[in-house]
Amino acid sequence: DRCVTVVTSRHRLDGLIVTDTARPVAVDVLGLQDATALLGRVLGADRVGAEPAAVQELAELCGGLPLALRVVAARLAGRPERTLASMAGELADETRRLGLLDLEDTGVRAALHLTLRQLPELVARLFAALGRHPGTHVDRYAAAALAGTDPTAADAALDRLAVAHLVTETAPGRWAMHDLVRLYARSLDTHPDTLKRVLDHYITTATAAMAAAEPGSEDCFP
């Protein structure tokens, strides 16, 4: 007889690949169809089917995260008179979103907090700083500027964050955060100079590129 053991974790369990020839399977966020099915199992097909536009908005605001969608479903299940559209309207406020996606001691922030506790100080600091980045993607140089470290250390920290599934490498050397993860990271950063450092980095990079492309041209950033 043959059997299969399924092990799930937020972290990439590379050790199991080495010792037990485990096969890694990355699980993506839910698409609209699966998110609708999840909400329907809790709230009922009729209630979900009556507000398809609101269901789509909830799925987008939760970023397809099953945990976030389950918290939303639990909140709505306890208030059958409430519309899905009203819940979506509240979640649209970024300042309230993470709070609404926590329920007692369960939720997005609690899950991310547990993951973050296991990371070294530099990695945790970079995670918080990434929440201040004005764009959707970073490279090792922007990450280094955000965290106030060097590109080699930033690259290693980004890889560690990827192992914990807190960032995703969307292309070689290009990293992105899930929207809810970014909101949580932003809430942790208490350093006023974080954004200034990365903007200074981009200005310096742009100035150097212009000087290389058009030597002797007027400085755009006096």
N, C-alpha and C. Protein backbone atom coordinates (compact mmCIF):
# COMPACT_ATOMS: atom_id res chain seq x y z
N ASP A 1 0.84 -1.19 0.00
CA ASP A 1 0.00 0.00 0.00
C ASP A 1 0.88 1.25 0.00
N ARG A 2 0.38 2.28 -0.65
CA ARG A 2 1.10 3.54 -0.69
C ARG A 2 0.29 4.61 0.04
N CYS A 3 0.99 5.54 0.65
CA CYS A 3 0.31 6.64 1.33
C CYS A 3 1.06 7.93 1.03
N VAL A 4 0.38 9.02 1.25
CA VAL A 4 0.95 10.34 0.99
C VAL A 4 0.76 11.20 2.23
N THR A 5 1.78 11.93 2.62
CA THR A 5 1.67 12.87 3.73
C THR A 5 1.71 14.29 3.16
N VAL A 6 0.72 15.09 3.53
CA VAL A 6 0.66 16.47 3.08
C VAL A 6 1.07 17.37 4.25
N VAL A 7 2.08 18.18 4.06
CA VAL A 7 2.56 19.10 5.08
C VAL A 7 2.36 20.52 4.57
N THR A 8 1.68 21.34 5.34
CA THR A 8 1.46 22.73 4.94
C THR A 8 2.20 23.67 5.88
N SER A 9 2.65 24.77 5.34
CA SER A 9 3.38 25.75 6.14
C SER A 9 3.45 27.06 5.38
N ARG A 10 3.54 28.17 6.11
CA ARG A 10 3.81 29.46 5.46
C ARG A 10 5.23 29.48 4.92
N HIS A 11 6.11 28.70 5.56
CA HIS A 11 7.52 28.70 5.16
C HIS A 11 7.78 27.62 4.12
N ARG A 12 8.72 27.88 3.24
CA ARG A 12 9.16 26.90 2.26
C ARG A 12 10.05 25.89 2.99
N LEU A 13 9.61 24.66 3.05
CA LEU A 13 10.29 23.65 3.85
C LEU A 13 11.36 22.95 3.01
N ASP A 14 12.44 23.67 2.73
CA ASP A 14 13.49 23.12 1.88
C ASP A 14 14.15 21.90 2.50
N GLY A 15 14.19 21.84 3.83
CA GLY A 15 14.81 20.71 4.50
C GLY A 15 14.14 19.38 4.17
N LEU A 16 12.83 19.41 4.01
CA LEU A 16 12.11 18.18 3.67
C LEU A 16 12.44 17.71 2.26
N ILE A 17 12.76 18.65 1.38
CA ILE A 17 13.16 18.26 0.03
C ILE A 17 14.49 17.53 0.08
N VAL A 18 15.40 18.01 0.93
CA VAL A 18 16.73 17.41 1.04
C VAL A 18 16.66 16.04 1.71
N THR A 19 15.94 15.94 2.83
CA THR A 19 15.96 14.71 3.62
C THR A 19 14.93 13.67 3.18
N ASP A 20 13.80 14.12 2.63
CA ASP A 20 12.72 13.19 2.32
C ASP A 20 12.25 13.27 0.87
N THR A 21 13.02 13.95 0.03
CA THR A 21 12.64 14.15 -1.38
C THR A 21 11.19 14.60 -1.53
N ALA A 22 10.80 15.52 -0.64
CA ALA A 22 9.43 16.05 -0.70
C ALA A 22 9.25 16.87 -1.97
N ARG A 23 8.03 16.92 -2.43
CA ARG A 23 7.71 17.69 -3.64
C ARG A 23 7.01 18.98 -3.22
N PRO A 24 7.65 20.14 -3.43
CA PRO A 24 7.01 21.40 -3.02
C PRO A 24 5.90 21.80 -3.99
N VAL A 25 4.81 22.28 -3.43
CA VAL A 25 3.69 22.78 -4.23
C VAL A 25 3.31 24.15 -3.68
N ALA A 26 3.55 25.19 -4.45
CA ALA A 26 3.18 26.54 -4.02
C ALA A 26 1.69 26.75 -4.26
N VAL A 27 0.98 27.17 -3.23
CA VAL A 27 -0.46 27.39 -3.32
C VAL A 27 -0.73 28.87 -3.50
N ASP A 28 -1.37 29.23 -4.59
CA ASP A 28 -1.63 30.63 -4.88
C ASP A 28 -2.89 31.09 -4.15
N VAL A 29 -3.16 32.39 -4.21
CA VAL A 29 -4.40 32.92 -3.64
C VAL A 29 -5.59 32.44 -4.47
N LEU A 30 -6.79 32.60 -3.93
CA LEU A 30 -7.99 32.13 -4.61
C LEU A 30 -8.42 33.09 -5.71
N GLY A 31 -8.86 32.53 -6.81
CA GLY A 31 -9.48 33.32 -7.86
C GLY A 31 -10.92 33.62 -7.49
N LEU A 32 -11.60 34.38 -8.34
CA LEU A 32 -12.97 34.80 -8.05
C LEU A 32 -13.90 33.61 -7.87
N GLN A 33 -13.79 32.61 -8.71
CA GLN A 33 -14.69 31.46 -8.61
C GLN A 33 -14.53 30.73 -7.29
N ASP A 34 -13.29 30.48 -6.87
CA ASP A 34 -13.06 29.79 -5.61
C ASP A 34 -13.42 30.67 -4.42
N ALA A 35 -13.16 31.96 -4.52
CA ALA A 35 -13.53 32.88 -3.43
C ALA A 35 -15.05 32.91 -3.26
N THR A 36 -15.77 32.92 -4.37
CA THR A 36 -17.23 32.90 -4.33
C THR A 36 -17.73 31.62 -3.69
N ALA A 37 -17.11 30.50 -4.05
CA ALA A 37 -17.50 29.21 -3.48
C ALA A 37 -17.25 29.18 -1.98
N LEU A 38 -16.13 29.75 -1.54
CA LEU A 38 -15.82 29.78 -0.11
C LEU A 38 -16.87 30.59 0.65
N LEU A 39 -17.19 31.77 0.15
CA LEU A 39 -18.21 32.60 0.80
C LEU A 39 -19.57 31.90 0.77
N GLY A 40 -19.87 31.23 -0.35
CA GLY A 40 -21.15 30.55 -0.48
C GLY A 40 -21.32 29.42 0.50
N ARG A 41 -20.24 28.71 0.82
CA ARG A 41 -20.33 27.60 1.77
C ARG A 41 -20.70 28.09 3.16
N VAL A 42 -20.28 29.30 3.49
CA VAL A 42 -20.58 29.85 4.82
C VAL A 42 -21.90 30.62 4.83
N LEU A 43 -22.12 31.43 3.82
CA LEU A 43 -23.26 32.35 3.81
C LEU A 43 -24.46 31.82 3.05
N GLY A 44 -24.25 30.79 2.25
CA GLY A 44 -25.35 30.26 1.44
C GLY A 44 -25.30 30.81 0.03
N ALA A 45 -25.66 29.95 -0.92
CA ALA A 45 -25.58 30.34 -2.33
C ALA A 45 -26.52 31.49 -2.67
N ASP A 46 -27.69 31.52 -2.04
CA ASP A 46 -28.66 32.57 -2.36
C ASP A 46 -28.15 33.95 -1.97
N ARG A 47 -27.59 34.05 -0.76
CA ARG A 47 -27.10 35.35 -0.30
C ARG A 47 -25.93 35.83 -1.15
N VAL A 48 -25.04 34.93 -1.48
CA VAL A 48 -23.88 35.30 -2.30
C VAL A 48 -24.30 35.59 -3.73
N GLY A 49 -25.21 34.79 -4.26
CA GLY A 49 -25.65 34.99 -5.63
C GLY A 49 -26.43 36.27 -5.85
N ALA A 50 -27.00 36.82 -4.76
CA ALA A 50 -27.79 38.04 -4.89
C ALA A 50 -26.93 39.29 -5.07
N GLU A 51 -25.62 39.20 -4.74
CA GLU A 51 -24.74 40.37 -4.82
C GLU A 51 -23.42 40.01 -5.52
N PRO A 52 -23.45 39.65 -6.78
CA PRO A 52 -22.21 39.22 -7.45
C PRO A 52 -21.14 40.31 -7.51
N ALA A 53 -21.55 41.56 -7.69
CA ALA A 53 -20.57 42.65 -7.75
C ALA A 53 -19.87 42.82 -6.41
N ALA A 54 -20.64 42.71 -5.33
CA ALA A 54 -20.05 42.84 -3.99
C ALA A 54 -19.12 41.68 -3.68
N VAL A 55 -19.48 40.48 -4.15
CA VAL A 55 -18.62 39.31 -3.95
C VAL A 55 -17.28 39.53 -4.63
N GLN A 56 -17.31 40.04 -5.85
CA GLN A 56 -16.07 40.31 -6.57
C GLN A 56 -15.23 41.35 -5.84
N GLU A 57 -15.88 42.38 -5.33
CA GLU A 57 -15.15 43.42 -4.60
C GLU A 57 -14.54 42.87 -3.32
N LEU A 58 -15.28 42.03 -2.60
CA LEU A 58 -14.74 41.42 -1.39
C LEU A 58 -13.53 40.55 -1.71
N ALA A 59 -13.64 39.77 -2.78
CA ALA A 59 -12.52 38.91 -3.18
C ALA A 59 -11.28 39.75 -3.49
N GLU A 60 -11.48 40.87 -4.17
CA GLU A 60 -10.35 41.73 -4.53
C GLU A 60 -9.76 42.42 -3.30
N LEU A 61 -10.62 42.91 -2.41
CA LEU A 61 -10.14 43.59 -1.21
C LEU A 61 -9.42 42.63 -0.27
N CYS A 62 -9.81 41.37 -0.28
CA CYS A 62 -9.14 40.35 0.53
C CYS A 62 -7.93 39.77 -0.20
N GLY A 63 -7.74 40.18 -1.44
CA GLY A 63 -6.61 39.70 -2.22
C GLY A 63 -6.63 38.20 -2.44
N GLY A 64 -7.81 37.59 -2.36
CA GLY A 64 -7.91 36.16 -2.57
C GLY A 64 -7.38 35.31 -1.42
N LEU A 65 -7.00 35.93 -0.30
CA LEU A 65 -6.48 35.16 0.83
C LEU A 65 -7.62 34.40 1.51
N PRO A 66 -7.52 33.07 1.60
CA PRO A 66 -8.60 32.29 2.23
C PRO A 66 -8.89 32.73 3.66
N LEU A 67 -7.84 33.02 4.45
CA LEU A 67 -8.06 33.43 5.84
C LEU A 67 -8.86 34.72 5.90
N ALA A 68 -8.50 35.70 5.08
CA ALA A 68 -9.22 36.97 5.07
C ALA A 68 -10.67 36.77 4.65
N LEU A 69 -10.89 35.95 3.65
CA LEU A 69 -12.26 35.69 3.19
C LEU A 69 -13.08 34.97 4.26
N ARG A 70 -12.45 34.08 5.01
CA ARG A 70 -13.18 33.37 6.07
C ARG A 70 -13.56 34.32 7.21
N VAL A 71 -12.69 35.27 7.52
CA VAL A 71 -13.03 36.25 8.54
C VAL A 71 -14.21 37.10 8.07
N VAL A 72 -14.18 37.52 6.82
CA VAL A 72 -15.30 38.28 6.25
C VAL A 72 -16.58 37.46 6.31
N ALA A 73 -16.49 36.19 5.93
CA ALA A 73 -17.66 35.32 5.95
C ALA A 73 -18.20 35.17 7.37
N ALA A 74 -17.30 35.04 8.34
CA ALA A 74 -17.74 34.90 9.73
C ALA A 74 -18.45 36.16 10.22
N ARG A 75 -17.92 37.32 9.85
CA ARG A 75 -18.57 38.58 10.24
C ARG A 75 -19.97 38.69 9.63
N LEU A 76 -20.08 38.32 8.37
CA LEU A 76 -21.38 38.41 7.69
C LEU A 76 -22.34 37.35 8.17
N ALA A 77 -21.84 36.18 8.51
CA ALA A 77 -22.71 35.10 8.98
C ALA A 77 -23.38 35.47 10.29
N GLY A 78 -22.69 36.24 11.11
CA GLY A 78 -23.26 36.65 12.39
C GLY A 78 -24.28 37.76 12.26
N ARG A 79 -24.37 38.37 11.08
CA ARG A 79 -25.33 39.46 10.85
C ARG A 79 -26.05 39.24 9.53
N PRO A 80 -27.03 38.37 9.52
CA PRO A 80 -27.71 38.01 8.26
C PRO A 80 -28.43 39.17 7.59
N GLU A 81 -28.72 40.23 8.35
CA GLU A 81 -29.41 41.37 7.76
C GLU A 81 -28.46 42.31 7.01
N ARG A 82 -27.18 42.08 7.16
CA ARG A 82 -26.20 42.98 6.57
C ARG A 82 -25.92 42.57 5.12
N THR A 83 -25.73 43.58 4.25
CA THR A 83 -25.43 43.28 2.85
C THR A 83 -23.93 43.07 2.67
N LEU A 84 -23.58 42.32 1.65
CA LEU A 84 -22.18 42.12 1.31
C LEU A 84 -21.56 43.42 0.82
N ALA A 85 -22.38 44.25 0.17
CA ALA A 85 -21.89 45.54 -0.33
C ALA A 85 -21.45 46.45 0.81
N SER A 86 -22.18 46.42 1.92
CA SER A 86 -21.81 47.27 3.06
C SER A 86 -20.48 46.81 3.66
N MET A 87 -20.26 45.50 3.69
CA MET A 87 -18.99 44.97 4.18
C MET A 87 -17.85 45.39 3.26
N ALA A 88 -18.09 45.33 1.96
CA ALA A 88 -17.08 45.75 0.99
C ALA A 88 -16.77 47.23 1.14
N GLY A 89 -17.79 48.03 1.42
CA GLY A 89 -17.59 49.46 1.61
C GLY A 89 -16.69 49.75 2.79
N GLU A 90 -16.83 48.99 3.87
CA GLU A 90 -15.97 49.19 5.03
C GLU A 90 -14.54 48.74 4.74
N LEU A 91 -14.40 47.61 4.06
CA LEU A 91 -13.07 47.10 3.75
C LEU A 91 -12.31 48.01 2.78
N ALA A 92 -13.04 48.80 2.01
CA ALA A 92 -12.40 49.70 1.05
C ALA A 92 -11.55 50.76 1.74
N ASP A 93 -11.82 51.03 3.02
CA ASP A 93 -11.04 51.98 3.80
C ASP A 93 -9.76 51.29 4.28
N GLU A 94 -8.62 51.65 3.68
CA GLU A 94 -7.36 50.97 4.03
C GLU A 94 -7.00 51.11 5.50
N THR A 95 -7.41 52.20 6.12
CA THR A 95 -7.06 52.40 7.53
C THR A 95 -7.80 51.44 8.45
N ARG A 96 -8.88 50.84 7.96
CA ARG A 96 -9.68 49.93 8.78
C ARG A 96 -9.57 48.48 8.33
N ARG A 97 -8.98 48.25 7.16
CA ARG A 97 -9.08 46.93 6.54
C ARG A 97 -8.50 45.82 7.41
N LEU A 98 -7.29 46.00 7.89
CA LEU A 98 -6.68 44.93 8.68
C LEU A 98 -7.45 44.66 9.96
N GLY A 99 -7.98 45.71 10.58
CA GLY A 99 -8.78 45.51 11.78
C GLY A 99 -10.03 44.70 11.51
N LEU A 100 -10.66 44.94 10.37
CA LEU A 100 -11.86 44.19 10.00
C LEU A 100 -11.54 42.75 9.63
N LEU A 101 -10.29 42.48 9.30
CA LEU A 101 -9.89 41.12 8.92
C LEU A 101 -9.28 40.36 10.09
N ASP A 102 -9.50 40.85 11.30
CA ASP A 102 -9.17 40.13 12.53
C ASP A 102 -10.46 39.81 13.26
N LEU A 103 -10.51 38.65 13.86
CA LEU A 103 -11.68 38.23 14.62
C LEU A 103 -11.18 37.51 15.86
N GLU A 104 -11.37 38.15 17.02
CA GLU A 104 -10.81 37.65 18.27
C GLU A 104 -9.29 37.52 18.09
N ASP A 105 -8.74 36.31 18.30
CA ASP A 105 -7.28 36.15 18.17
C ASP A 105 -6.90 35.50 16.84
N THR A 106 -7.81 35.53 15.88
CA THR A 106 -7.57 34.93 14.58
C THR A 106 -7.70 36.00 13.51
N GLY A 107 -6.86 35.93 12.51
CA GLY A 107 -6.98 36.88 11.41
C GLY A 107 -5.66 37.09 10.71
N VAL A 108 -5.66 38.02 9.78
CA VAL A 108 -4.49 38.25 8.94
C VAL A 108 -3.32 38.77 9.77
N ARG A 109 -3.57 39.75 10.63
CA ARG A 109 -2.47 40.32 11.42
C ARG A 109 -1.86 39.29 12.35
N ALA A 110 -2.71 38.47 12.98
CA ALA A 110 -2.21 37.45 13.90
C ALA A 110 -1.33 36.44 13.18
N ALA A 111 -1.76 36.02 11.99
CA ALA A 111 -0.97 35.05 11.22
C ALA A 111 0.37 35.64 10.80
N LEU A 112 0.35 36.88 10.34
CA LEU A 112 1.59 37.52 9.91
C LEU A 112 2.52 37.79 11.09
N HIS A 113 1.94 38.14 12.23
CA HIS A 113 2.75 38.39 13.43
C HIS A 113 3.51 37.14 13.84
N LEU A 114 2.85 35.98 13.81
CA LEU A 114 3.51 34.73 14.17
C LEU A 114 4.65 34.42 13.22
N THR A 115 4.44 34.67 11.94
CA THR A 115 5.50 34.43 10.96
C THR A 115 6.67 35.37 11.19
N LEU A 116 6.38 36.63 11.44
CA LEU A 116 7.42 37.65 11.59
C LEU A 116 8.29 37.40 12.82
N ARG A 117 7.71 36.84 13.86
CA ARG A 117 8.45 36.58 15.10
C ARG A 117 9.61 35.62 14.89
N GLN A 118 9.54 34.82 13.86
CA GLN A 118 10.57 33.80 13.62
C GLN A 118 11.73 34.32 12.76
N LEU A 119 11.65 35.58 12.34
CA LEU A 119 12.65 36.10 11.42
C LEU A 119 13.73 36.90 12.15
N PRO A 120 14.96 36.91 11.63
CA PRO A 120 16.03 37.73 12.21
C PRO A 120 15.70 39.21 12.15
N GLU A 121 16.42 40.01 12.96
CA GLU A 121 16.09 41.43 13.10
C GLU A 121 16.17 42.18 11.78
N LEU A 122 17.22 41.96 10.99
CA LEU A 122 17.36 42.68 9.73
C LEU A 122 16.24 42.32 8.77
N VAL A 123 15.87 41.06 8.72
CA VAL A 123 14.80 40.61 7.82
C VAL A 123 13.47 41.24 8.24
N ALA A 124 13.22 41.25 9.55
CA ALA A 124 11.98 41.86 10.04
C ALA A 124 11.97 43.36 9.78
N ARG A 125 13.15 44.00 9.90
CA ARG A 125 13.23 45.44 9.64
C ARG A 125 12.97 45.74 8.17
N LEU A 126 13.52 44.92 7.29
CA LEU A 126 13.27 45.12 5.86
C LEU A 126 11.80 44.89 5.54
N PHE A 127 11.19 43.89 6.16
CA PHE A 127 9.77 43.63 5.93
C PHE A 127 8.95 44.87 6.25
N ALA A 128 9.19 45.48 7.41
CA ALA A 128 8.44 46.67 7.79
C ALA A 128 8.71 47.82 6.82
N ALA A 129 9.97 47.97 6.42
CA ALA A 129 10.33 49.07 5.52
C ALA A 129 9.70 48.91 4.15
N LEU A 130 9.53 47.68 3.69
CA LEU A 130 8.93 47.45 2.37
C LEU A 130 7.51 48.01 2.29
N GLY A 131 6.85 48.11 3.43
CA GLY A 131 5.51 48.68 3.43
C GLY A 131 5.48 50.14 3.04
N ARG A 132 6.63 50.82 3.13
CA ARG A 132 6.71 52.25 2.78
C ARG A 132 7.05 52.48 1.31
N HIS A 133 7.40 51.42 0.60
CA HIS A 133 7.80 51.59 -0.79
C HIS A 133 6.64 52.13 -1.61
N PRO A 134 6.85 53.17 -2.42
CA PRO A 134 5.74 53.79 -3.15
C PRO A 134 5.25 52.99 -4.35
N GLY A 135 5.99 51.98 -4.77
CA GLY A 135 5.59 51.18 -5.93
C GLY A 135 5.18 49.78 -5.54
N THR A 136 4.95 48.95 -6.54
CA THR A 136 4.51 47.57 -6.29
C THR A 136 5.65 46.57 -6.30
N HIS A 137 6.81 46.93 -6.88
CA HIS A 137 7.94 46.02 -6.97
C HIS A 137 9.22 46.70 -6.47
N VAL A 138 10.12 45.90 -5.93
CA VAL A 138 11.42 46.41 -5.51
C VAL A 138 12.52 45.49 -6.04
N ASP A 139 13.72 46.03 -6.15
CA ASP A 139 14.90 45.21 -6.40
C ASP A 139 15.80 45.30 -5.18
N ARG A 140 16.93 44.63 -5.24
CA ARG A 140 17.82 44.58 -4.07
C ARG A 140 18.34 45.96 -3.70
N TYR A 141 18.49 46.85 -4.67
CA TYR A 141 19.04 48.18 -4.39
C TYR A 141 18.01 49.07 -3.69
N ALA A 142 16.77 49.02 -4.15
CA ALA A 142 15.71 49.77 -3.47
C ALA A 142 15.47 49.21 -2.08
N ALA A 143 15.52 47.88 -1.96
CA ALA A 143 15.34 47.26 -0.64
C ALA A 143 16.45 47.67 0.31
N ALA A 144 17.67 47.74 -0.21
CA ALA A 144 18.79 48.17 0.63
C ALA A 144 18.60 49.60 1.12
N ALA A 145 18.12 50.47 0.23
CA ALA A 145 17.87 51.86 0.63
C ALA A 145 16.77 51.93 1.69
N LEU A 146 15.72 51.15 1.51
CA LEU A 146 14.62 51.16 2.48
C LEU A 146 15.08 50.73 3.86
N ALA A 147 15.89 49.68 3.92
CA ALA A 147 16.30 49.12 5.21
C ALA A 147 17.57 49.75 5.76
N GLY A 148 18.22 50.61 4.97
CA GLY A 148 19.46 51.21 5.44
C GLY A 148 20.59 50.21 5.54
N THR A 149 20.69 49.31 4.56
CA THR A 149 21.74 48.30 4.56
C THR A 149 22.35 48.23 3.17
N ASP A 150 23.18 47.23 2.91
CA ASP A 150 23.81 47.10 1.60
C ASP A 150 23.03 46.12 0.72
N PRO A 151 23.22 46.18 -0.60
CA PRO A 151 22.44 45.33 -1.51
C PRO A 151 22.60 43.83 -1.27
N THR A 152 23.80 43.38 -0.88
CA THR A 152 24.00 41.96 -0.63
C THR A 152 23.16 41.49 0.55
N ALA A 153 23.18 42.27 1.63
CA ALA A 153 22.37 41.92 2.80
C ALA A 153 20.88 42.00 2.48
N ALA A 154 20.50 43.00 1.69
CA ALA A 154 19.09 43.14 1.30
C ALA A 154 18.64 41.96 0.46
N ASP A 155 19.51 41.48 -0.44
CA ASP A 155 19.18 40.34 -1.28
C ASP A 155 18.94 39.10 -0.44
N ALA A 156 19.81 38.88 0.54
CA ALA A 156 19.65 37.73 1.43
C ALA A 156 18.37 37.84 2.25
N ALA A 157 18.06 39.06 2.70
CA ALA A 157 16.83 39.27 3.48
C ALA A 157 15.59 39.06 2.63
N LEU A 158 15.62 39.51 1.38
CA LEU A 158 14.49 39.29 0.48
C LEU A 158 14.26 37.80 0.25
N ASP A 159 15.36 37.05 0.11
CA ASP A 159 15.22 35.60 -0.08
C ASP A 159 14.61 34.96 1.15
N ARG A 160 15.00 35.44 2.32
CA ARG A 160 14.42 34.89 3.57
C ARG A 160 12.93 35.23 3.66
N LEU A 161 12.56 36.43 3.24
CA LEU A 161 11.14 36.80 3.23
C LEU A 161 10.37 35.95 2.23
N ALA A 162 11.01 35.60 1.12
CA ALA A 162 10.35 34.74 0.13
C ALA A 162 10.14 33.34 0.68
N VAL A 163 11.09 32.84 1.45
CA VAL A 163 10.94 31.52 2.08
C VAL A 163 9.73 31.52 3.00
N ALA A 164 9.48 32.65 3.67
CA ALA A 164 8.32 32.78 4.56
C ALA A 164 7.06 33.20 3.82
N HIS A 165 7.14 33.31 2.49
CA HIS A 165 6.01 33.71 1.65
C HIS A 165 5.46 35.09 2.04
N LEU A 166 6.36 35.97 2.43
CA LEU A 166 5.98 37.35 2.73
C LEU A 166 6.23 38.27 1.54
N VAL A 167 7.07 37.83 0.62
CA VAL A 167 7.25 38.50 -0.67
C VAL A 167 7.30 37.42 -1.74
N THR A 168 7.08 37.84 -2.98
CA THR A 168 7.12 36.91 -4.11
C THR A 168 8.06 37.46 -5.17
N GLU A 169 8.93 36.59 -5.69
CA GLU A 169 9.82 37.00 -6.77
C GLU A 169 9.05 36.85 -8.08
N THR A 170 8.60 37.96 -8.64
CA THR A 170 7.77 37.92 -9.84
C THR A 170 8.59 37.82 -11.12
N ALA A 171 9.86 38.19 -11.03
CA ALA A 171 10.82 38.08 -12.13
C ALA A 171 12.19 38.07 -11.48
N PRO A 172 13.22 37.57 -12.17
CA PRO A 172 14.54 37.54 -11.54
C PRO A 172 14.95 38.90 -10.98
N GLY A 173 15.14 38.94 -9.65
CA GLY A 173 15.56 40.18 -9.01
C GLY A 173 14.47 41.19 -8.76
N ARG A 174 13.21 40.81 -9.01
CA ARG A 174 12.07 41.73 -8.81
C ARG A 174 11.12 41.09 -7.80
N TRP A 175 10.79 41.85 -6.76
CA TRP A 175 10.01 41.31 -5.65
C TRP A 175 8.75 42.14 -5.44
N ALA A 176 7.67 41.46 -5.04
CA ALA A 176 6.40 42.13 -4.78
C ALA A 176 5.78 41.58 -3.51
N MET A 177 4.89 42.38 -2.92
CA MET A 177 4.15 42.00 -1.72
C MET A 177 2.67 41.93 -2.02
N HIS A 178 1.99 41.01 -1.37
CA HIS A 178 0.53 40.99 -1.41
C HIS A 178 0.02 42.28 -0.77
N ASP A 179 -1.10 42.80 -1.25
CA ASP A 179 -1.61 44.08 -0.76
C ASP A 179 -1.85 44.08 0.75
N LEU A 180 -2.42 43.01 1.29
CA LEU A 180 -2.69 42.96 2.73
C LEU A 180 -1.39 42.84 3.52
N VAL A 181 -0.44 42.11 2.99
CA VAL A 181 0.87 42.00 3.65
C VAL A 181 1.55 43.37 3.67
N ARG A 182 1.42 44.12 2.57
CA ARG A 182 2.00 45.46 2.52
C ARG A 182 1.36 46.38 3.56
N LEU A 183 0.05 46.31 3.70
CA LEU A 183 -0.63 47.12 4.71
C LEU A 183 -0.11 46.81 6.10
N TYR A 184 0.07 45.53 6.39
CA TYR A 184 0.57 45.13 7.71
C TYR A 184 2.00 45.63 7.90
N ALA A 185 2.83 45.46 6.88
CA ALA A 185 4.21 45.92 6.97
C ALA A 185 4.27 47.43 7.23
N ARG A 186 3.44 48.17 6.52
CA ARG A 186 3.41 49.63 6.69
C ARG A 186 3.05 50.02 8.11
N SER A 187 2.18 49.24 8.74
CA SER A 187 1.76 49.56 10.11
C SER A 187 2.88 49.34 11.11
N LEU A 188 3.91 48.59 10.73
CA LEU A 188 5.01 48.29 11.65
C LEU A 188 6.15 49.28 11.55
N ASP A 189 6.28 49.97 10.43
CA ASP A 189 7.42 50.85 10.22
C ASP A 189 7.23 52.16 10.97
N THR A 190 8.16 52.44 11.88
CA THR A 190 8.07 53.66 12.70
C THR A 190 9.20 54.63 12.40
N HIS A 191 9.96 54.38 11.33
CA HIS A 191 11.11 55.22 11.02
C HIS A 191 10.73 56.26 9.97
N PRO A 192 10.74 57.54 10.32
CA PRO A 192 10.31 58.58 9.38
C PRO A 192 11.21 58.71 8.15
N ASP A 193 12.45 58.22 8.24
CA ASP A 193 13.39 58.38 7.12
C ASP A 193 13.30 57.26 6.09
N THR A 194 12.46 56.26 6.31
CA THR A 194 12.41 55.11 5.40
C THR A 194 12.07 55.54 3.98
N LEU A 195 10.99 56.29 3.83
CA LEU A 195 10.58 56.72 2.49
C LEU A 195 11.61 57.66 1.88
N LYS A 196 12.17 58.55 2.70
CA LYS A 196 13.18 59.50 2.19
C LYS A 196 14.38 58.75 1.62
N ARG A 197 14.81 57.70 2.29
CA ARG A 197 15.99 56.96 1.82
C ARG A 197 15.76 56.36 0.44
N VAL A 198 14.58 55.76 0.23
CA VAL A 198 14.35 55.11 -1.07
C VAL A 198 14.13 56.15 -2.16
N LEU A 199 13.51 57.29 -1.82
CA LEU A 199 13.35 58.36 -2.82
C LEU A 199 14.71 58.95 -3.19
N ASP A 200 15.58 59.13 -2.20
CA ASP A 200 16.94 59.60 -2.48
C ASP A 200 17.67 58.62 -3.41
N HIS A 201 17.45 57.33 -3.16
CA HIS A 201 18.06 56.30 -4.01
C HIS A 201 17.60 56.44 -5.46
N TYR A 202 16.30 56.63 -5.65
CA TYR A 202 15.78 56.75 -7.01
C TYR A 202 16.27 58.03 -7.69
N ILE A 203 16.36 59.12 -6.93
CA ILE A 203 16.87 60.38 -7.50
C ILE A 203 18.33 60.22 -7.91
N THR A 204 19.12 59.60 -7.04
CA THR A 204 20.54 59.38 -7.36
C THR A 204 20.70 58.50 -8.59
N THR A 205 19.87 57.44 -8.67
CA THR A 205 19.94 56.53 -9.81
C THR A 205 19.54 57.24 -11.10
N ALA A 206 18.47 58.04 -11.03
CA ALA A 206 18.01 58.77 -12.22
C ALA A 206 19.04 59.80 -12.67
N THR A 207 19.67 60.47 -11.71
CA THR A 207 20.69 61.47 -12.04
C THR A 207 21.89 60.82 -12.72
N ALA A 208 22.30 59.65 -12.20
CA ALA A 208 23.43 58.94 -12.79
C ALA A 208 23.10 58.46 -14.20
N ALA A 209 21.86 57.99 -14.39
CA ALA A 209 21.45 57.53 -15.72
C ALA A 209 21.43 58.67 -16.72
N MET A 210 20.94 59.85 -16.28
CA MET A 210 20.90 61.01 -17.18
C MET A 210 22.32 61.48 -17.52
N ALA A 211 23.20 61.45 -16.54
CA ALA A 211 24.58 61.87 -16.79
C ALA A 211 25.27 60.94 -17.77
N ALA A 212 24.93 59.65 -17.70
CA ALA A 212 25.53 58.68 -18.63
C ALA A 212 24.95 58.83 -20.02
N ALA A 213 23.64 59.12 -20.09
CA ALA A 213 22.97 59.23 -21.40
C ALA A 213 23.28 60.56 -22.09
N GLU A 214 23.36 61.64 -21.29
CA GLU A 214 23.59 62.97 -21.85
C GLU A 214 24.65 63.68 -21.02
N PRO A 215 25.90 63.34 -21.21
CA PRO A 215 26.97 63.99 -20.43
C PRO A 215 26.93 65.51 -20.58
N GLY A 216 27.07 66.20 -19.45
CA GLY A 216 27.09 67.65 -19.48
C GLY A 216 25.74 68.30 -19.47
N SER A 217 24.65 67.50 -19.42
CA SER A 217 23.31 68.08 -19.39
C SER A 217 23.04 68.72 -18.04
N GLU A 218 22.06 69.60 -18.02
CA GLU A 218 21.71 70.32 -16.80
C GLU A 218 21.16 69.36 -15.76
N ASP A 219 21.56 69.54 -14.52
CA ASP A 219 21.11 68.68 -13.42
C ASP A 219 19.63 68.93 -13.16
N CYS A 220 18.83 67.86 -13.24
CA CYS A 220 17.38 68.00 -12.99
C CYS A 220 17.06 68.09 -11.52
N PHE A 221 18.01 67.66 -10.65
CA PHE A 221 17.75 67.63 -9.22
C PHE A 221 18.85 68.40 -8.51
N PRO A 222 18.76 69.73 -8.55
CA PRO A 222 19.82 70.55 -7.94
C PRO A 222 19.85 70.35 -6.43
